[in-house]
Protein backbone atom coordinates (compact mmCIF):
# COMPACT_ATOMS: atom_id res chain seq x y z
CA UNK A 1 75.23 175.28 40.12
CA UNK A 2 74.39 178.17 42.43
CA UNK A 3 76.96 179.54 44.89
CA UNK A 4 78.12 182.85 46.33
CA UNK A 5 78.79 185.50 43.69
CA UNK A 6 80.60 188.81 43.50
CA UNK A 7 77.92 191.39 44.27
CA UNK A 8 74.86 190.72 46.35
CA UNK A 9 71.85 189.55 44.33
CA UNK A 10 71.09 188.38 40.81
CA UNK A 11 72.65 191.47 39.26
CA UNK A 12 74.94 194.38 40.13
CA UNK A 13 73.99 196.05 43.40
CA UNK A 14 74.42 199.66 44.38
CA UNK A 15 76.70 200.19 47.37
CA UNK A 16 74.85 200.64 50.62
CA UNK A 17 77.05 203.51 51.84
CA UNK A 18 78.45 206.76 50.52
CA UNK A 19 82.13 206.14 51.18
CA UNK A 20 84.52 208.01 48.90
CA UNK A 21 86.04 205.65 46.36
CA UNK A 22 89.67 206.02 45.35
CA UNK A 23 91.54 204.74 42.31
CA UNK A 24 93.02 201.84 44.27
CA UNK A 25 89.53 200.68 45.27
CA UNK A 26 88.17 200.34 41.75
CA UNK A 27 88.09 197.96 38.82
CA UNK A 28 86.08 198.80 35.71
CA UNK A 29 84.03 196.05 34.04
CA UNK A 30 81.93 196.10 30.88
CA UNK A 31 79.68 193.85 28.82
CA UNK A 32 79.64 195.21 25.28
CA UNK A 33 77.34 193.85 22.60
CA UNK A 34 76.28 194.99 19.17
CA UNK A 35 73.76 197.50 20.53
CA UNK A 36 74.57 198.34 24.16
CA UNK A 37 77.60 198.73 26.40
CA UNK A 38 76.95 197.98 30.07
CA UNK A 39 79.52 199.35 32.50
CA UNK A 40 79.96 198.92 36.23
CA UNK A 41 82.55 199.18 38.98
CA UNK A 42 83.93 196.42 41.19
CA UNK A 43 84.98 197.71 44.62
CA UNK A 44 87.90 196.35 46.66
CA UNK A 45 85.49 194.18 48.67
CA UNK A 46 83.98 192.63 45.52
CA UNK A 47 80.73 194.59 45.24
CA UNK A 48 79.49 195.44 41.75
CA UNK A 49 78.11 198.97 41.81
CA UNK A 50 76.94 201.85 39.62
CA UNK A 51 75.81 199.76 36.63
CA UNK A 52 74.82 201.85 33.63
CA UNK A 53 73.92 201.02 30.03
CA UNK A 54 75.13 203.18 27.13
CA UNK A 55 74.19 202.94 23.46
CA UNK A 56 77.21 201.87 21.40
CA UNK A 57 76.07 204.05 18.48
CA UNK A 58 76.60 207.16 20.62
CA UNK A 59 80.36 206.58 20.95
CA UNK A 60 83.22 206.12 18.52
CA UNK A 61 84.98 203.35 20.47
CA UNK A 62 85.01 201.60 23.87
CA UNK A 63 87.51 204.03 25.39
CA UNK A 64 85.24 206.96 24.58
CA UNK A 65 82.24 205.13 26.07
CA UNK A 66 84.18 204.14 29.20
CA UNK A 67 85.39 207.70 29.75
CA UNK A 68 81.82 208.99 29.41
CA UNK A 69 80.62 206.40 31.92
CA UNK A 70 83.31 207.28 34.47
CA UNK A 71 82.72 211.01 34.12
CA UNK A 72 78.95 210.62 34.36
CA UNK A 73 79.27 208.49 37.50
CA UNK A 74 81.75 210.91 39.08
CA UNK A 75 84.32 208.16 39.55
CA UNK A 76 88.12 208.33 39.66
CA UNK A 77 90.22 206.54 37.06
CA UNK A 78 90.48 202.80 37.81
CA UNK A 79 93.74 200.90 37.56
CA UNK A 80 92.39 197.76 35.93
CA UNK A 81 89.49 196.71 33.75
CA UNK A 82 87.89 193.71 32.08
CA UNK A 83 85.77 194.30 28.98
CA UNK A 84 83.65 191.49 27.51
CA UNK A 85 82.92 191.94 23.80
CA UNK A 86 80.50 190.20 21.44
CA UNK A 87 83.18 189.29 18.90
CA UNK A 88 86.52 187.45 18.64
CA UNK A 89 88.99 188.97 21.11
CA UNK A 90 92.27 187.08 20.62
CA UNK A 91 94.17 189.75 18.66
CA UNK A 92 95.23 193.30 19.48
CA UNK A 93 92.96 194.75 16.81
CA UNK A 94 89.34 194.00 17.61
CA UNK A 95 86.50 194.43 15.12
CA UNK A 96 82.99 194.24 16.51
CA UNK A 97 80.82 191.81 14.52
CA UNK A 98 77.52 193.68 14.92
CA UNK A 99 78.53 197.31 15.24
CA UNK A 100 81.17 199.60 13.72
CA UNK A 101 83.74 199.63 16.52
CA UNK A 102 87.24 198.75 15.30
CA UNK A 103 89.97 199.39 17.85
CA UNK A 104 93.27 198.31 19.42
CA UNK A 105 93.35 196.80 22.89
CA UNK A 106 96.81 198.35 23.52
CA UNK A 107 95.56 201.78 22.46
CA UNK A 108 92.43 201.42 24.60
CA UNK A 109 94.55 200.55 27.63
CA UNK A 110 96.67 203.64 26.98
CA UNK A 111 93.67 205.92 26.44
CA UNK A 112 92.13 204.87 29.75
CA UNK A 113 95.39 205.03 31.67
CA UNK A 114 95.06 201.43 32.86
CA UNK A 115 97.77 199.29 34.39
CA UNK A 116 95.85 196.17 33.36
CA UNK A 117 93.20 195.59 30.69
CA UNK A 118 91.67 192.18 30.09
CA UNK A 119 89.46 191.69 27.01
CA UNK A 120 87.36 188.54 26.72
CA UNK A 121 84.38 187.26 24.74
CA UNK A 122 81.01 188.30 26.17
CA UNK A 123 79.66 184.76 26.39
CA UNK A 124 82.85 183.58 28.03
CA UNK A 125 82.02 186.20 30.68
CA UNK A 126 78.44 184.91 30.86
CA UNK A 127 79.77 181.36 31.32
CA UNK A 128 82.04 182.54 34.15
CA UNK A 129 79.02 184.01 35.91
CA UNK A 130 77.20 180.67 36.13
CA UNK A 131 78.83 179.35 39.33
CA UNK A 132 77.85 182.62 41.06
CA UNK A 133 74.18 182.83 40.04
CA UNK A 134 71.58 182.04 42.70
CA UNK A 135 68.95 179.42 41.91
CA UNK A 136 66.30 182.15 42.00
CA UNK A 137 67.78 183.65 38.83
CA UNK A 138 67.43 180.42 36.82
CA UNK A 139 64.24 178.98 35.31
CA UNK A 140 64.54 175.28 34.48
CA UNK A 141 63.03 173.86 31.30
CA UNK A 142 63.06 170.06 31.21
CA UNK A 143 65.72 167.56 32.12
CA UNK A 144 66.98 166.53 35.55
CA UNK A 145 69.00 168.85 37.79
CA UNK A 146 72.51 167.40 37.97
CA UNK A 147 74.67 167.00 41.08
CA UNK A 148 78.43 167.52 41.00
CA UNK A 149 80.66 169.24 38.45
CA UNK A 150 79.83 168.37 34.86
CA UNK A 151 80.43 170.35 31.66
CA UNK A 152 77.83 173.04 31.01
CA UNK A 153 77.03 175.12 27.94
CA UNK A 154 75.58 178.58 27.49
CA UNK A 155 73.88 179.99 24.39
CA UNK A 156 71.96 183.18 23.86
CA UNK A 157 70.35 185.14 21.02
CA UNK A 158 70.62 188.91 21.17
CA UNK A 159 72.04 191.24 18.55
CA UNK A 160 74.09 188.14 17.65
CA UNK A 161 74.21 184.55 18.90
CA UNK A 162 76.61 183.88 21.75
CA UNK A 163 78.00 180.46 22.66
CA UNK A 164 80.34 179.32 25.44
CA UNK A 165 80.69 176.77 28.19
CA UNK A 166 82.52 175.67 31.32
CA UNK A 167 84.62 172.51 31.73
CA UNK A 168 85.53 171.24 35.22
CA UNK A 169 89.28 171.75 35.69
CA UNK A 170 91.51 171.30 38.76
CA UNK A 171 88.76 172.00 41.25
CA UNK A 172 87.49 175.04 39.31
CA UNK A 173 86.13 175.82 35.87
CA UNK A 174 87.77 176.34 32.50
CA UNK A 175 85.72 178.71 30.28
CA UNK A 176 85.47 178.26 26.52
CA UNK A 177 86.19 181.17 24.19
CA UNK A 178 83.88 180.26 21.30
CA UNK A 179 82.37 181.68 18.13
CA UNK A 180 79.95 178.77 17.82
CA UNK A 181 77.08 181.08 16.85
CA UNK A 182 78.63 181.24 13.38
CA UNK A 183 78.33 177.48 12.81
CA UNK A 184 76.03 176.48 9.97
CA UNK A 185 72.30 176.38 10.66
CA UNK A 186 70.53 172.99 10.59
CA UNK A 187 66.82 172.90 9.76
CA UNK A 188 64.11 170.21 9.75
CA UNK A 189 61.09 169.68 7.52
CA UNK A 190 59.87 171.29 4.30
CA UNK A 191 58.79 174.63 5.75
CA UNK A 192 62.12 175.31 7.46
CA UNK A 193 63.98 174.09 4.35
CA UNK A 194 62.01 176.56 2.20
CA UNK A 195 62.88 179.37 4.59
CA UNK A 196 66.56 178.34 4.60
CA UNK A 197 66.68 178.32 0.79
CA UNK A 198 65.12 181.78 0.75
CA UNK A 199 67.73 183.04 3.23
CA UNK A 200 70.54 181.39 1.25
CA UNK A 201 69.42 183.33 -1.81
CA UNK A 202 69.86 186.53 0.22
CA UNK A 203 72.95 185.76 2.35
CA UNK A 204 74.74 182.88 0.66
CA UNK A 205 75.86 180.78 3.62
CA UNK A 206 73.37 180.89 6.49
CA UNK A 207 74.95 180.61 9.94
CA UNK A 208 72.93 179.97 13.08
CA UNK A 209 73.37 183.63 14.02
CA UNK A 210 71.69 184.73 10.79
CA UNK A 211 68.43 183.31 12.20
CA UNK A 212 68.92 182.97 15.98
CA UNK A 213 69.33 186.64 16.84
CA UNK A 214 67.28 189.83 16.82
CA UNK A 215 68.09 190.52 13.15
CA UNK A 216 67.54 186.80 12.52
CA UNK A 217 64.00 186.98 13.92
CA UNK A 218 63.36 189.85 11.50
CA UNK A 219 64.79 187.77 8.64
CA UNK A 220 62.52 184.86 9.57
CA UNK A 221 59.45 187.08 9.62
CA UNK A 222 60.35 188.67 6.27
CA UNK A 223 61.04 185.30 4.63
CA UNK A 224 57.79 183.78 5.91
CA UNK A 225 55.81 186.78 4.66
CA UNK A 226 57.39 186.67 1.20
CA UNK A 227 57.01 182.89 0.88
CA UNK A 228 53.31 183.34 1.68
CA UNK A 229 52.97 186.04 -0.97
CA UNK A 230 52.63 188.94 1.48
CA UNK A 231 54.62 192.15 1.75
CA UNK A 232 56.47 192.19 5.10
CA UNK A 233 56.31 195.28 7.27
CA UNK A 234 59.36 196.95 8.77
CA UNK A 235 59.09 195.51 12.27
CA UNK A 236 61.68 195.56 15.06
CA UNK A 237 62.29 192.26 16.87
CA UNK A 238 60.30 193.49 19.89
CA UNK A 239 57.34 194.29 17.64
CA UNK A 240 57.47 190.82 16.09
CA UNK A 241 57.45 189.26 19.57
CA UNK A 242 54.57 191.49 20.70
CA UNK A 243 52.43 190.63 17.67
CA UNK A 244 53.28 186.94 17.96
CA UNK A 245 52.34 186.73 21.64
CA UNK A 246 49.14 188.68 21.02
CA UNK A 247 48.37 186.19 18.21
CA UNK A 248 47.26 188.95 15.85
CA UNK A 249 49.81 188.37 13.08
CA UNK A 250 50.25 184.91 11.57
CA UNK A 251 53.70 185.57 10.08
CA UNK A 252 55.00 186.95 13.39
CA UNK A 253 53.56 184.00 15.29
CA UNK A 254 55.15 181.47 12.95
CA UNK A 255 58.47 183.35 12.97
CA UNK A 256 58.67 183.18 16.76
CA UNK A 257 57.62 179.52 16.81
CA UNK A 258 60.32 178.56 14.31
CA UNK A 259 62.86 180.74 16.12
CA UNK A 260 62.30 178.83 19.39
CA UNK A 261 62.29 175.46 17.63
CA UNK A 262 65.55 176.14 15.78
CA UNK A 263 67.15 177.37 18.99
CA UNK A 264 66.17 174.04 20.57
CA UNK A 265 67.83 172.11 17.75
CA UNK A 266 70.96 174.26 17.97
CA UNK A 267 71.19 173.98 21.78
CA UNK A 268 70.69 170.21 21.63
CA UNK A 269 73.45 169.87 19.05
CA UNK A 270 75.73 171.95 21.27
CA UNK A 271 74.89 169.79 24.29
CA UNK A 272 75.91 166.69 22.33
CA UNK A 273 79.10 168.29 21.01
CA UNK A 274 80.23 169.57 24.42
CA UNK A 275 78.92 166.65 26.45
CA UNK A 276 77.14 169.29 28.54
CA UNK A 277 75.44 166.91 30.95
CA UNK A 278 75.46 169.63 33.61
CA UNK A 279 73.00 171.69 31.60
CA UNK A 280 72.54 174.26 28.86
CA UNK A 281 72.01 177.82 30.10
CA UNK A 282 70.17 180.31 27.91
CA UNK A 283 70.94 184.01 28.13
CA UNK A 284 70.98 186.93 25.71
CA UNK A 285 68.48 189.72 25.32
CA UNK A 286 65.54 187.83 23.76
CA UNK A 287 64.68 184.53 25.46
CA UNK A 288 64.54 185.76 29.10
CA UNK A 289 61.85 188.24 28.01
CA UNK A 290 59.55 185.56 26.55
CA UNK A 291 58.58 183.93 29.85
CA UNK A 292 56.03 181.13 29.51
CA UNK A 293 55.78 181.64 25.75
CA UNK A 294 59.25 180.12 25.48
CA UNK A 295 58.47 177.36 27.97
CA UNK A 296 55.39 176.34 25.92
CA UNK A 297 57.27 176.49 22.60
CA UNK A 298 58.85 173.58 20.71
CA UNK A 299 62.28 174.46 22.12
CA UNK A 300 62.48 171.48 24.46
CA UNK A 301 60.93 169.07 21.95
CA UNK A 302 63.55 169.96 19.36
CA UNK A 303 66.31 170.01 21.99
CA UNK A 304 65.59 166.34 22.74
CA UNK A 305 64.92 165.25 19.14
CA UNK A 306 68.34 163.67 18.56
CA UNK A 307 67.45 160.25 17.19
CA UNK A 308 69.45 157.47 18.86
CA UNK A 309 70.83 159.95 21.43
CA UNK A 310 67.43 161.39 22.43
CA UNK A 311 67.49 159.67 25.83
CA UNK A 312 70.96 161.10 26.51
CA UNK A 313 69.82 164.63 25.76
CA UNK A 314 66.47 164.23 27.55
CA UNK A 315 68.27 164.06 30.90
CA UNK A 316 70.13 167.35 30.30
CA UNK A 317 68.42 170.33 31.99
CA UNK A 318 68.07 173.73 30.35
CA UNK A 319 67.95 176.94 32.35
CA UNK A 320 66.82 180.39 31.25
CA UNK A 321 69.00 183.01 32.97
CA UNK A 322 66.81 185.75 34.44
CA UNK A 323 69.54 187.63 36.36
CA UNK A 324 70.26 191.25 35.48
CA UNK A 325 73.70 191.87 33.91
CA UNK A 326 75.17 188.40 34.55
CA UNK A 327 78.10 188.94 32.17
CA UNK A 328 79.30 191.76 34.42
CA UNK A 329 79.55 189.22 37.23
CA UNK A 330 81.60 187.01 34.91
CA UNK A 331 83.92 189.88 33.99
CA UNK A 332 84.47 190.58 37.69
CA UNK A 333 85.22 186.89 38.28
CA UNK A 334 87.74 186.89 35.42
CA UNK A 335 89.60 189.85 36.92
CA UNK A 336 89.70 188.13 40.28
CA UNK A 337 90.87 184.70 39.13
CA UNK A 338 92.87 185.18 35.92
């Protein structure tokens, strides 16, 4: 699915010259999740430059964060922007699912002095980046690389669980604006059922995002520890991954194994639902960091374990996205083509 992309490599590239940028040259783009807000500039010739990551907790709203970014980069006020948020974005009032930001898109446009402000879902932006990603920024796991335009899906655990896709449409692609990460979680076997019942006691309904996310990995580890009669430690997701890969903590190891397996089941279900014969792409902040640990996990086994439709799913390739800041590329593409 690789082709030419806005920007130069697998992520935003710094401009190669020191030309003075003016307001008319600039578009502001952002990928804003539950933890971090990544900003960059798109120049008039389509280059993505001056990427910077800010902590959402340091700012009261996206306008405040954007103003800090522009001032820190010494940039003039842009005329247009596209912000990709990890939450529903179809109304004027936007409430972030995994942080405290609650704001108005109209007010944000006014605060930033923009002539145009587009706000889209972050995984819709990630989906829009897929046609522009070079093959070198994709690591295939199973299946057969497809030729031609077929529906594709994208999923990714991070602070939450993002879901989107692309459908071939009139010679281009139609992105899906989805909140599929909040679909109910499906488990398999006694151990996973015991963990699900434990989580239901705590949360009530257990969505896929409750488990397939950074906080979800913590919840898995805590549930496994308690079910085994052990007191869980206060571990960050990165610490759980580190202990699991070092194989020096049984609960961490099992938590990561089940995490990868459940993600495989979820991604396989999504592939069936969408008819994503072009592939399932995996992004987010967790899986690309796992490397061969993820490849060797039960992800692909569970992805293909679909009973009478196993042969259908077995042909569908999965790709781990290793590009830096791909959603920024998608936000730039949305500004250009919407």
